[in-house]
Amino acid sequence: MTATGAADQSGRINAGVHAVSRWIDAHPDNRDRDPEALLWGRVTKVGEEAGEVIAALVGATGHNPCKGRSATMADVQRELFDVAMTALCAVAHLHRPDACQPDVVGLLAAHVDEVAARAGLTHNDSPPARPSR
C-alpha cells in the first residue's frame, strides 16, 4: 500500500470511528444521560464485547459439549474486531469535549510503538524466538 493509500485508509477509519461514536452518543437512550454514566457505558461495553469473543472461541473450539462447534474462527475474528472498534469508539468518546477530533488511528499507532519498544522490538524486527523447553 502506498503512503497516500495508507493515509486515505487511516482517514476513513478515523472518520468511521468518530461517526459511530457520535451516533452512539446521539441515540435517544443516551441523550439525557450523565456524562460519567456515558463514559462508564462505553468502557464497560468493551468488557461485554470481550465476553462475546470468549463465547465465539468456545464455540469455534467445541469446548461446550452441549453445543458442539457452534462458531468459526471467522466469528472469533469478527468479535475481536468488535472489541477493537468498541475500544476505539470509547477513546473517541473520551475526547468528545475536545475542540477537534483526535486521530484515533494515530493514537493506536503510538500505543503499538510503545508496546513494541517495551518488548525491545522495532518495526523491522521479528518477534524473539521462544525459549525451548
Protein backbone atom coordinates (compact mmCIF):
# COMPACT_ATOMS: atom_id res chain seq x y z
CA MET A 1 0.00 0.00 0.00
CA THR A 2 1.31 3.46 -0.85
CA ALA A 3 1.71 6.19 1.76
CA THR A 4 -1.21 8.03 0.16
CA GLY A 5 -3.35 4.88 0.26
CA ALA A 6 -2.46 4.29 3.92
CA ALA A 7 -3.28 7.90 4.78
CA ASP A 8 -6.62 7.62 2.98
CA GLN A 9 -7.41 4.39 4.81
CA SER A 10 -6.38 5.90 8.15
CA GLY A 11 -8.58 8.94 7.48
CA ARG A 12 -11.51 6.69 6.53
CA ILE A 13 -11.09 4.65 9.71
CA ASN A 14 -10.87 7.79 11.86
CA ALA A 15 -13.96 9.26 10.24
CA GLY A 16 -15.86 5.97 10.70
CA VAL A 17 -14.89 5.63 14.35
CA HIS A 18 -15.92 9.20 15.11
CA ALA A 19 -19.19 8.84 13.16
CA VAL A 20 -20.13 5.68 15.07
CA SER A 21 -19.13 7.29 18.38
CA ARG A 22 -21.32 10.35 17.67
CA TRP A 23 -24.17 8.05 16.58
CA ILE A 24 -23.99 6.20 19.92
CA ASP A 25 -23.92 9.47 21.86
CA ALA A 26 -26.90 10.81 19.90
CA HIS A 27 -29.05 7.71 20.48
CA PRO A 28 -32.29 8.71 22.26
CA ASP A 29 -31.41 6.48 25.24
CA ASN A 30 -28.13 8.37 25.70
CA ARG A 31 -29.15 11.99 25.10
CA ASP A 32 -30.08 12.74 28.71
CA ARG A 33 -27.53 10.52 30.42
CA ASP A 34 -24.98 11.94 32.80
CA PRO A 35 -21.57 12.28 31.04
CA GLU A 36 -19.93 9.99 33.59
CA ALA A 37 -22.61 7.35 33.02
CA LEU A 38 -21.98 7.58 29.26
CA LEU A 39 -18.26 7.06 29.82
CA TRP A 40 -18.89 4.08 32.10
CA GLY A 41 -21.21 2.64 29.49
CA ARG A 42 -18.58 2.99 26.77
CA VAL A 43 -15.81 1.38 28.82
CA THR A 44 -17.92 -1.48 30.18
CA LYS A 45 -19.15 -2.21 26.64
CA VAL A 46 -15.54 -3.17 25.79
CA GLY A 47 -15.74 -5.86 28.50
CA GLU A 48 -19.07 -7.08 27.18
CA GLU A 49 -17.60 -7.41 23.70
CA ALA A 50 -14.63 -9.33 25.14
CA GLY A 51 -17.12 -11.81 26.59
CA GLU A 52 -18.54 -12.31 23.10
CA VAL A 53 -15.04 -13.16 21.83
CA ILE A 54 -14.76 -15.80 24.54
CA ALA A 55 -18.16 -17.23 23.64
CA ALA A 56 -17.16 -17.40 19.96
CA LEU A 57 -13.87 -19.09 20.82
CA VAL A 58 -15.67 -21.66 22.98
CA GLY A 59 -18.00 -22.31 20.04
CA ALA A 60 -15.18 -22.47 17.50
CA THR A 61 -13.13 -24.92 19.54
CA GLY A 62 -16.05 -27.06 20.72
CA HIS A 63 -15.35 -26.54 24.42
CA ASN A 64 -19.05 -26.73 25.28
CA PRO A 65 -20.10 -30.34 24.67
CA CYS A 66 -23.78 -29.36 24.76
CA LYS A 67 -23.38 -27.00 21.80
CA GLY A 68 -20.50 -28.59 19.93
CA ARG A 69 -18.82 -26.41 17.34
CA SER A 70 -21.25 -23.52 17.11
CA ALA A 71 -18.91 -20.85 15.72
CA THR A 72 -15.91 -20.48 13.44
CA MET A 73 -12.57 -18.73 13.71
CA ALA A 74 -14.06 -16.13 11.35
CA ASP A 75 -16.65 -15.47 14.09
CA VAL A 76 -13.83 -15.11 16.63
CA GLN A 77 -12.06 -12.63 14.35
CA ARG A 78 -15.26 -10.62 13.84
CA GLU A 79 -15.78 -10.45 17.63
CA LEU A 80 -12.16 -9.39 18.14
CA PHE A 81 -12.72 -6.57 15.66
CA ASP A 82 -15.88 -5.61 17.59
CA VAL A 83 -13.72 -5.29 20.73
CA ALA A 84 -11.21 -3.13 18.84
CA MET A 85 -13.93 -0.94 17.34
CA THR A 86 -15.67 -0.55 20.69
CA ALA A 87 -12.39 0.43 22.34
CA LEU A 88 -11.57 2.95 19.59
CA CYS A 89 -15.05 4.46 19.90
CA ALA A 90 -14.54 4.72 23.66
CA VAL A 91 -11.27 6.59 23.02
CA ALA A 92 -13.10 8.93 20.62
CA HIS A 93 -15.76 9.46 23.29
CA LEU A 94 -13.07 10.35 25.85
CA HIS A 95 -12.07 13.23 23.58
CA ARG A 96 -15.63 14.35 22.80
CA PRO A 97 -15.25 17.62 24.75
CA ASP A 98 -12.07 18.48 22.81
CA ALA A 99 -12.28 21.17 20.12
CA CYS A 100 -11.06 18.78 17.44
CA GLN A 101 -11.40 15.06 16.89
CA PRO A 102 -8.29 13.08 17.81
CA ASP A 103 -6.56 10.87 15.27
CA VAL A 104 -7.56 7.57 16.92
CA VAL A 105 -5.53 5.58 14.38
CA GLY A 106 -2.50 7.73 15.20
CA LEU A 107 -3.11 7.23 18.92
CA LEU A 108 -3.32 3.47 18.33
CA ALA A 109 -0.12 3.54 16.25
CA ALA A 110 1.70 5.40 19.05
CA HIS A 111 0.48 2.82 21.55
CA VAL A 112 1.67 -0.03 19.30
CA ASP A 113 5.08 1.67 19.13
CA GLU A 114 5.20 1.96 22.94
CA VAL A 115 4.34 -1.72 23.43
CA ALA A 116 6.87 -2.78 20.77
CA ALA A 117 9.54 -0.66 22.47
CA ARG A 118 8.78 -2.32 25.84
CA ALA A 119 9.26 -5.66 24.07
CA GLY A 120 12.56 -4.44 22.66
CA LEU A 121 11.28 -4.52 19.07
CA THR A 122 11.40 -2.09 16.18
CA HIS A 123 9.13 -2.11 13.14
CA ASN A 124 11.66 -4.21 11.22
CA ASP A 125 12.20 -6.82 13.94
CA SER A 126 10.77 -10.27 14.10
CA PRO A 127 9.49 -11.37 17.50
CA PRO A 128 12.19 -13.01 19.62
CA ALA A 129 12.33 -16.78 19.46
CA ARG A 130 10.53 -18.56 22.27
CA PRO A 131 12.86 -20.34 24.65
CA SER A 132 12.86 -24.10 24.15
CA ARG A 133 11.56 -26.24 26.98
